[in-house]
Amino acid sequence: MNHIYLIEDLGLILMAASLMMLLTRRLKTPAIVNYLLAGLAIGPAMGLIQETSHLDYISETGIVLLLFLVGIELNIGQFKKAGKEVLWAGFWQMSLTCIAVFGLAFGFQHPLQTSIILGLAFMFSSTVVVVKLLQEDRSMRAFHGRVSVGVLLLQDVAALAAITLVSSLGGSAESLDASMTTILVTSVGGMGMLIGFTWIASRYIVNPALNWSLPIPGMMFIWSLGWCFLFVAIAHGFGLSHEIGAFLAGLSLAQSRFSSELRRRVHPLMNFFVVIFFVVLGIGIKFNLSATMWLQVFTLSACVMLLKCLIIIGVLWKMGRRKEGSILV
């Protein structure tokens, strides 16, 4: 019976998203906000969908396709130009945010271990939210778009070390050192190999494969999706995030003469899955927190958003970038 519930829930999600878009079109609210509101309406408000575990894998596909599309829209040359800014902005933003949130959480009298976890959690940003906003604004190829995507992918790599640290907090120092060393060697080595394969594929594999698939209707689209999920599987095997694999798969196709055609074909499919992702996210929002906890949530969130903005602006301005571009990042 589960497959019947899945179909019913998907239909309800799509109808709720469509109705919310119609109701708010005069307000011109971002699509992401509308999808979240649709999720709140059919989830916490009306209780039409309460369990979302059967939808999680479907919604994650939206993230994969979104980052795949981002990779196709950029190219390796454009991405390399922003490399220095990405590294410095990402490093200082994550480091200072983690320290500041740890201090605030400890000031709210949370235990040391909880404060460390909160500091690590708040130093990351939502890749899918930022990328979707950049895409709607058509600014993915602009300087602030490239730097933002680069910082988000850098955070995905750093998240591996953070997860290892959190999972080892209760263990000994020796086990923590061993875990950190293993995960860093595997992920950094895997990242290097995947980047190398991306470069080789973009030069020697992609164009012949796409030319081969061209005479068969629909084959190029199917092949490109298979290529995307192959990269995702390889990234997963190295302990890297699905987003990194999907992005590099797209980046390997960006140099192809068929990149515009691939973007046109993947975009509608990506939109379908992204709608599901954000509506499911809205369904999962919980309001059963105490007044004290809500105060802490708002305080930490406001401080983190302000701090991240100031850090990024400061770092990029110090590196000689214009104030307008730094503020947009």
Protein backbone atom coordinates (compact mmCIF):
# COMPACT_ATOMS: atom_id res chain seq x y z
CA MET A 1 0.00 0.00 0.00
CA ASN A 2 3.00 2.32 0.50
CA HIS A 3 3.27 3.08 -3.23
CA ILE A 4 -0.37 4.28 -3.19
CA TYR A 5 0.36 6.64 -0.29
CA LEU A 6 3.44 7.89 -2.15
CA ILE A 7 1.42 8.74 -5.28
CA GLU A 8 -1.32 10.42 -3.21
CA ASP A 9 1.22 12.48 -1.25
CA LEU A 10 3.06 13.55 -4.40
CA GLY A 11 -0.21 14.69 -5.94
CA LEU A 12 -1.12 16.60 -2.78
CA ILE A 13 2.32 18.25 -2.66
CA LEU A 14 2.15 19.42 -6.28
CA MET A 15 -1.42 20.70 -5.91
CA ALA A 16 -0.55 22.58 -2.70
CA ALA A 17 2.51 24.18 -4.35
CA SER A 18 0.45 25.22 -7.40
CA LEU A 19 -2.33 26.74 -5.29
CA MET A 20 0.15 28.63 -3.12
CA MET A 21 1.85 30.07 -6.22
CA LEU A 22 -1.55 31.26 -7.50
CA LEU A 23 -2.56 32.78 -4.15
CA THR A 24 0.70 34.71 -3.73
CA ARG A 25 1.45 35.75 -7.32
CA ARG A 26 0.43 39.38 -6.68
CA LEU A 27 2.81 39.53 -3.71
CA LYS A 28 5.69 38.31 -5.94
CA THR A 29 7.17 36.23 -3.13
CA PRO A 30 10.10 33.95 -4.04
CA ALA A 31 9.13 30.47 -5.20
CA ILE A 32 11.02 28.91 -2.28
CA VAL A 33 8.86 30.79 0.25
CA ASN A 34 5.70 29.64 -1.54
CA TYR A 35 6.81 26.00 -1.47
CA LEU A 36 7.65 26.21 2.24
CA LEU A 37 4.25 27.80 2.95
CA ALA A 38 2.56 25.02 0.99
CA GLY A 39 4.38 22.47 3.13
CA LEU A 40 3.36 24.27 6.33
CA ALA A 41 -0.26 24.30 5.14
CA ILE A 42 -0.58 20.58 4.38
CA GLY A 43 1.75 19.52 7.20
CA PRO A 44 1.71 21.26 10.61
CA ALA A 45 -1.43 23.35 9.88
CA MET A 46 -3.84 20.77 8.40
CA GLY A 47 -2.10 17.48 9.17
CA LEU A 48 -2.76 16.06 5.68
CA ILE A 49 0.81 14.70 5.51
CA GLN A 50 2.57 13.89 8.78
CA GLU A 51 5.21 11.32 7.76
CA THR A 52 7.74 12.24 5.05
CA SER A 53 10.35 9.46 5.25
CA HIS A 54 8.95 7.86 2.06
CA LEU A 55 9.48 11.19 0.25
CA ASP A 56 13.04 11.90 1.40
CA TYR A 57 14.87 10.12 -1.43
CA ILE A 58 12.65 11.75 -4.05
CA SER A 59 13.23 15.22 -2.60
CA GLU A 60 17.01 14.64 -2.45
CA THR A 61 16.96 14.05 -6.21
CA GLY A 62 16.00 17.72 -6.56
CA ILE A 63 19.23 18.80 -4.85
CA VAL A 64 21.29 16.52 -7.08
CA LEU A 65 19.71 17.82 -10.30
CA LEU A 66 19.95 21.44 -9.13
CA LEU A 67 23.71 21.17 -8.54
CA PHE A 68 24.09 19.23 -11.80
CA LEU A 69 22.44 22.12 -13.63
CA VAL A 70 24.65 24.65 -11.83
CA GLY A 71 27.74 22.76 -13.02
CA ILE A 72 26.50 22.81 -16.63
CA GLU A 73 25.84 26.57 -16.43
CA LEU A 74 29.36 27.34 -15.22
CA ASN A 75 32.63 26.28 -16.76
CA ILE A 76 35.98 25.27 -15.31
CA GLY A 77 37.70 28.49 -16.47
CA GLN A 78 35.10 30.74 -14.80
CA PHE A 79 35.23 28.71 -11.62
CA LYS A 80 39.04 28.84 -11.35
CA LYS A 81 38.97 32.66 -11.52
CA ALA A 82 37.17 32.84 -8.17
CA GLY A 83 39.32 30.16 -6.48
CA LYS A 84 41.27 32.47 -4.14
CA GLU A 85 38.16 34.33 -2.99
CA VAL A 86 36.31 31.06 -2.39
CA LEU A 87 39.08 29.63 -0.19
CA TRP A 88 39.61 32.72 1.97
CA ALA A 89 35.95 33.70 2.27
CA GLY A 90 34.95 30.10 3.05
CA PHE A 91 37.71 29.59 5.63
CA TRP A 92 37.09 32.79 7.60
CA GLN A 93 33.30 32.55 7.39
CA MET A 94 33.24 28.99 8.75
CA SER A 95 35.90 29.56 11.42
CA LEU A 96 34.56 32.82 12.88
CA THR A 97 30.91 31.72 12.70
CA CYS A 98 31.70 28.49 14.53
CA ILE A 99 33.57 30.33 17.30
CA ALA A 100 30.85 33.00 17.68
CA VAL A 101 27.95 30.51 17.85
CA PHE A 102 29.88 28.32 20.28
CA GLY A 103 30.31 31.37 22.54
CA LEU A 104 26.63 32.35 22.29
CA ALA A 105 25.42 28.80 22.95
CA PHE A 106 27.74 28.48 25.94
CA GLY A 107 26.44 31.86 27.15
CA PHE A 108 22.90 30.41 26.97
CA GLN A 109 24.23 27.75 29.40
CA HIS A 110 24.18 24.84 27.01
CA PRO A 111 26.65 22.03 27.85
CA LEU A 112 30.10 22.17 26.24
CA GLN A 113 29.36 19.30 23.82
CA THR A 114 26.05 20.86 22.71
CA SER A 115 27.74 24.25 22.20
CA ILE A 116 30.39 22.65 19.97
CA ILE A 117 27.72 20.89 17.88
CA LEU A 118 25.73 24.13 17.50
CA GLY A 119 28.86 26.02 16.47
CA LEU A 120 29.66 23.43 13.81
CA ALA A 121 26.04 23.28 12.57
CA PHE A 122 25.57 27.03 12.23
CA MET A 123 28.77 27.57 10.24
CA PHE A 124 27.15 25.86 7.22
CA SER A 125 24.57 27.32 4.82
CA SER A 126 21.87 25.61 2.78
CA THR A 127 23.33 24.84 -0.65
CA VAL A 128 19.97 24.21 -2.29
CA VAL A 129 18.34 27.43 -1.00
CA VAL A 130 21.19 29.71 -2.08
CA VAL A 131 21.64 28.04 -5.46
CA LYS A 132 17.91 28.14 -6.21
CA LEU A 133 17.80 31.87 -5.37
CA LEU A 134 20.81 32.53 -7.61
CA GLN A 135 19.15 30.62 -10.42
CA GLU A 136 15.89 32.54 -10.10
CA ASP A 137 17.88 35.78 -10.15
CA ARG A 138 19.83 34.61 -13.24
CA SER A 139 23.11 35.52 -11.54
CA MET A 140 24.81 32.12 -11.43
CA ARG A 141 27.62 33.20 -13.78
CA ALA A 142 28.17 36.56 -12.07
CA PHE A 143 31.09 36.97 -9.67
CA HIS A 144 28.90 36.72 -6.57
CA GLY A 145 27.20 33.62 -7.99
CA ARG A 146 30.50 31.80 -8.62
CA VAL A 147 31.92 32.70 -5.21
CA SER A 148 28.71 31.71 -3.41
CA VAL A 149 28.59 28.30 -5.10
CA GLY A 150 32.29 27.76 -4.43
CA VAL A 151 31.94 28.57 -0.72
CA LEU A 152 28.93 26.25 -0.43
CA LEU A 153 30.87 23.37 -2.02
CA LEU A 154 33.81 24.08 0.28
CA GLN A 155 31.37 23.84 3.19
CA ASP A 156 30.22 20.44 1.91
CA VAL A 157 33.80 19.18 2.12
CA ALA A 158 34.25 20.71 5.60
CA ALA A 159 31.00 19.07 6.70
CA LEU A 160 32.70 15.66 6.45
CA ALA A 161 35.25 16.66 9.08
CA ALA A 162 32.50 18.24 11.22
CA ILE A 163 30.37 15.07 11.14
CA THR A 164 33.39 12.97 12.11
CA LEU A 165 34.17 15.34 14.99
CA VAL A 166 30.58 15.26 16.28
CA SER A 167 30.34 11.47 16.09
CA SER A 168 33.64 11.12 17.98
CA LEU A 169 32.96 13.63 20.77
CA GLY A 170 32.14 10.89 23.24
CA GLY A 171 35.19 8.80 22.37
CA SER A 172 38.87 8.99 23.23
CA ALA A 173 41.35 11.45 21.75
CA GLU A 174 43.12 8.58 19.94
CA SER A 175 39.91 7.41 18.23
CA LEU A 176 39.10 11.01 17.25
CA ASP A 177 42.55 11.49 15.68
CA ALA A 178 42.27 8.19 13.80
CA SER A 179 38.76 8.99 12.54
CA MET A 180 39.71 12.50 11.43
CA THR A 181 42.83 11.27 9.64
CA THR A 182 40.95 8.50 7.82
CA ILE A 183 38.08 10.71 6.70
CA LEU A 184 40.36 13.54 5.57
CA VAL A 185 42.68 11.26 3.59
CA THR A 186 39.75 9.47 1.94
CA SER A 187 37.73 12.59 1.15
CA VAL A 188 40.64 14.79 0.02
CA GLY A 189 42.09 11.96 -2.08
CA GLY A 190 38.67 11.19 -3.52
CA MET A 191 38.04 14.87 -4.25
CA GLY A 192 41.36 15.12 -6.09
CA MET A 193 40.64 12.02 -8.15
CA LEU A 194 37.12 13.18 -8.97
CA ILE A 195 38.35 16.63 -10.06
CA GLY A 196 41.03 14.97 -12.21
CA PHE A 197 38.44 12.67 -13.79
CA THR A 198 36.19 15.71 -14.42
CA TRP A 199 38.98 17.43 -16.34
CA ILE A 200 39.81 14.30 -18.37
CA ALA A 201 36.13 13.63 -19.11
CA SER A 202 35.48 17.19 -20.26
CA ARG A 203 38.33 16.93 -22.79
CA TYR A 204 38.22 13.35 -24.03
CA ILE A 205 34.98 11.54 -23.06
CA VAL A 206 31.97 13.88 -23.02
CA ASN A 207 31.89 15.11 -26.64
CA PRO A 208 32.39 11.66 -28.28
CA ALA A 209 29.73 10.17 -25.98
CA LEU A 210 27.23 12.94 -26.74
CA ASN A 211 27.93 12.69 -30.48
CA TRP A 212 27.30 8.94 -30.28
CA SER A 213 23.95 9.48 -28.52
CA LEU A 214 22.78 12.24 -30.88
CA PRO A 215 21.11 10.08 -33.61
CA ILE A 216 18.87 8.29 -31.07
CA PRO A 217 15.92 10.46 -29.86
CA GLY A 218 16.10 11.14 -26.14
CA MET A 219 19.38 9.26 -25.68
CA MET A 220 21.46 12.38 -24.97
CA PHE A 221 19.14 13.37 -22.11
CA ILE A 222 19.16 9.84 -20.64
CA TRP A 223 22.94 9.56 -21.00
CA SER A 224 23.50 12.91 -19.25
CA LEU A 225 21.33 11.85 -16.30
CA GLY A 226 23.20 8.55 -16.07
CA TRP A 227 26.48 10.51 -16.16
CA CYS A 228 25.24 12.71 -13.31
CA PHE A 229 24.28 9.79 -11.07
CA LEU A 230 27.54 7.98 -11.89
CA PHE A 231 29.45 10.95 -10.44
CA VAL A 232 27.10 11.01 -7.45
CA ALA A 233 27.80 7.30 -6.79
CA ILE A 234 31.58 7.81 -7.08
CA ALA A 235 31.44 10.82 -4.74
CA HIS A 236 29.40 8.80 -2.24
CA GLY A 237 31.98 6.00 -2.42
CA PHE A 238 34.69 8.47 -1.37
CA GLY A 239 32.53 9.82 1.46
CA LEU A 240 31.80 13.08 -0.38
CA SER A 241 28.37 14.68 -0.61
CA HIS A 242 25.95 14.01 -3.47
CA GLU A 243 26.03 17.73 -4.26
CA ILE A 244 29.76 17.68 -5.02
CA GLY A 245 29.39 14.69 -7.33
CA ALA A 246 26.44 16.24 -9.19
CA PHE A 247 28.20 19.61 -9.54
CA LEU A 248 31.37 18.05 -10.97
CA ALA A 249 29.29 15.95 -13.38
CA GLY A 250 27.67 19.13 -14.65
CA LEU A 251 31.01 20.91 -14.81
CA SER A 252 32.42 18.15 -17.04
CA LEU A 253 29.54 18.76 -19.49
CA ALA A 254 29.82 22.57 -19.41
CA GLN A 255 32.54 22.65 -22.10
CA SER A 256 30.43 20.60 -24.50
CA ARG A 257 28.74 22.22 -27.50
CA PHE A 258 25.53 20.53 -26.29
CA SER A 259 25.54 22.24 -22.89
CA SER A 260 22.71 24.66 -23.79
CA GLU A 261 20.53 21.79 -25.02
CA LEU A 262 21.24 19.79 -21.85
CA ARG A 263 20.32 22.76 -19.66
CA ARG A 264 17.04 23.16 -21.51
CA ARG A 265 16.15 19.49 -21.04
CA VAL A 266 17.24 19.04 -17.42
CA HIS A 267 15.66 22.25 -16.12
CA PRO A 268 11.97 21.11 -16.05
CA LEU A 269 12.88 17.82 -14.36
CA MET A 270 14.95 19.67 -11.78
CA ASN A 271 12.09 22.06 -11.04
CA PHE A 272 9.73 19.14 -10.40
CA PHE A 273 12.01 17.54 -7.80
CA VAL A 274 12.98 20.87 -6.19
CA VAL A 275 9.30 21.67 -5.58
CA ILE A 276 8.96 18.36 -3.72
CA PHE A 277 12.12 19.09 -1.69
CA PHE A 278 10.95 22.46 -0.38
CA VAL A 279 7.36 21.38 0.29
CA VAL A 280 8.65 18.35 2.24
CA LEU A 281 10.96 20.73 4.12
CA GLY A 282 7.94 22.87 5.04
CA ILE A 283 6.00 19.80 6.20
CA GLY A 284 8.83 18.92 8.57
CA ILE A 285 8.93 22.30 10.35
CA LYS A 286 8.03 21.93 14.03
CA PHE A 287 6.56 24.66 16.23
CA ASN A 288 6.46 22.79 19.54
CA LEU A 289 9.31 24.72 21.16
CA SER A 290 9.19 26.62 24.43
CA ALA A 291 9.30 30.44 24.51
CA THR A 292 12.87 30.34 25.88
CA MET A 293 13.98 28.05 23.07
CA TRP A 294 12.38 30.30 20.42
CA LEU A 295 14.27 33.27 21.87
CA GLN A 296 17.54 31.37 21.54
CA VAL A 297 16.68 30.26 17.99
CA PHE A 298 15.94 33.83 16.84
CA THR A 299 18.97 35.28 18.63
CA LEU A 300 21.38 32.71 17.19
CA SER A 301 19.87 32.95 13.70
CA ALA A 302 19.97 36.76 13.60
CA CYS A 303 23.55 36.87 14.89
CA VAL A 304 24.70 34.19 12.43
CA MET A 305 23.13 35.89 9.39
CA LEU A 306 24.61 39.27 10.32
CA LEU A 307 28.01 37.79 11.17
CA LYS A 308 28.26 35.78 7.94
CA CYS A 309 27.45 38.88 5.89
CA LEU A 310 30.05 41.00 7.69
CA ILE A 311 32.76 38.33 7.42
CA ILE A 312 32.24 37.74 3.69
CA ILE A 313 32.06 41.48 2.94
CA GLY A 314 35.19 42.14 5.01
CA VAL A 315 37.26 39.34 3.46
CA LEU A 316 36.33 40.15 -0.15
CA TRP A 317 36.73 43.89 0.38
CA LYS A 318 40.19 43.24 1.88
CA MET A 319 41.05 41.22 -1.25
CA GLY A 320 40.26 44.24 -3.42
CA ARG A 321 36.78 43.30 -4.60
CA ARG A 322 34.15 46.00 -5.07
CA LYS A 323 31.77 46.60 -2.19
CA GLU A 324 28.67 45.86 -4.32
CA GLY A 325 29.91 42.40 -5.34
CA SER A 326 30.99 41.60 -1.78
CA ILE A 327 27.56 42.55 -0.38
CA LEU A 328 25.78 40.36 -2.97
CA VAL A 329 27.91 37.35 -1.98
